[in-house]
Amino acid sequence: MSRAEVSRMRPPLVPLGTLIGRELRNEKLEKPFLKYGQAALAKKGEDYFLIKPDCLRVPGNPSTSFSVFAIFDGHNGISAAIFAKENLLDNVLSAIPQESSREEWLQALPRALVAGFVKTDIEFQQKGETSGTTVTFVVIDDWTITVASVGDSRCILDTQGGVVSLLTVDHRLEENVEERERVTASGGEVGRLNVGPLRCWPGGLCLSRSIGDTDVGEFIVPIPHVKQVKISNAGGRLIIASDGIWDALSSDMAAKSCRGLPAELAAKLVVKEALRSRGLKDDTTCLVVDIIPCDQPVLPPTPRKKQNMLRSLLFGKKSQNFMNKSTNKLSAVGVVEELFEEGSAMLAERLGKDFPSNATSGLFRCAVCQVDQAPADGLSVNSGPFFSPASKPWEGPFLCANCRKKKDAMEGKRAGIPTVIS
C-alpha cells in the first residue's frame, strides 16, 4: 500500500484546542454544579439542618465528590436532632464497602441509609435521652439524587419538565393507613386525645417513624423511606423543608412561589410565603438546592405545562415492588428516571440477604453497627439456636445480638407490651 493511500485512510487531524473543547463540553454534560440557599424562622428552636457540598467518596480525589443536604426537625427537646446531624452521615458511609466504584456506591447507598439510620437511633437511645427527630436526608451525586426520610419533613423535586414530584413519604399517623396498621400490630395504640391528630400511645407522638423517642415505644421505627432518581442534564430544583412549610403550603405552591429566582432568594421566599399563609406556628426551615448544567449560570426557567398530564407520564402508578427500576427509563419526556424506591418498615426486607463475611478472619460484620464479630456472638442467616420464640427465622445478613434485639423490638417481638392509654 502506497504512502498516499495510507494517508487517505487516516482520519483528519484535529487541533488540540478543538479536542480540549470537546472534552470540556462532555464534562459539562456529565457533571452539574450546585447552588443552594437556606432560610428559617424559629418558634421552638428545634429545627437543625446540614449542608455538606464537598464530601468525597474517595478521600483526596475531587472527582469522587458528592453533596449532602438534610433537615432534622426535633421534638421533645433538641438532643436527637443535634445527635443525628453530627453522626448520621458517618454511620451511613461506614455501611458502604470501601473501594466501590461510583455505580456500586450508588447501588449500595439505599441499604447503607437504612443501616445508618438504625445505627444512629441505637446509639442515641443508649444516651438515655427521650427527645426525637424527623430526618430528611438528601445525597446528590452528579445527576443522581437519593433521599431517605423518617417523619413529616419533605423533599420535592421541581424539574425542567414542569413537574413537581414528591421524593419522600409522610409518616404521620393521621394520613398513613399502612403505618397505623403497623403500629397497632406491633403493640402500640392509636387514638385521639379528645381533639387533634391521631397519636400513638404511650407517648402521644403523631409520627410513626423517627430517630430517638425512647419513651414512646420501639414500634416508632427509624427505618427510612428511600427513593433514588436520576434527572436529565436539563437540571432541577430540590426544596427540602420541615413541616412548618408543608403545613402551610402544598408541594406545588412551594415550587411555584419561587420559580425563576436564585436558590438563596427562593428559600427565603418559600419561608415568607408559609408565614404569610399560616403565621409562625412552628419552626420553619427550608433548603433550596439547584442542580444546574455547568454551561448555564442559573437554572433555566421552568416552562408552564399541565401538571397532571406530565405527572402521569413521569411517575405512573407505583408498583408494589419498589426494588431496582433501572430498566424503567422514563425517557418519553426526558426528565426523571426512577432508579429505586422502598418504604417497608421491616429490616429483613431493607437489608437484603447478601452480606459477606470476612473470609480471612472468619468474622462476620454486623449489617447495622458495622462491628466484626464471631457468629457465636450474634445471629447469622442459619443460626437457628439464636431465634427467640416469637421470631421467625431471620433471613437477612448477620446481626450482632444488640442489633437483633433492636430488630425484634421494632417488630413488636420484645417481651413487655407497652401500657395502652385509652
Foldseek 3Di string as FASTA:
>chain_A
DDPVVVVVPDDDDDDPVVVVVVVVVVVLQFFFDKDKAKDWDADPPQKDKDWAQFDALDPPDSLRTKIKIKMKRKDPDRVLVVLCRVQLVVQLSLLQDRPDDPVSRVQCNQLSNQLSLQLSLVVVVVVVDAMWIWMWMWMGDGQKIKIWTFAAWWKWKQWLQREIGTFADHQFVQPDVVLQVQQVLLQWDWDDDVDDGIAIPPPRHRGQETRGRPVGFLLRYRRIWMWMKGWGQLWIKMKTKGVLLVVQDPRVRLCVQQFPHGNRVSNVRSQVNSCVRPNPPRIIMIMMMIGHRPVDPGRDGRDDDDHVVVCCLPPNDDDPAFAAPQVQQSPPSRTMDTGGTDGDPQSLVSNDADADQDVVPCWRAASRNRDTDHCVQWDAQPPVVVDDPQDDRRRHGTHGHVVVVSNCRNSNNDPDRDDYDD
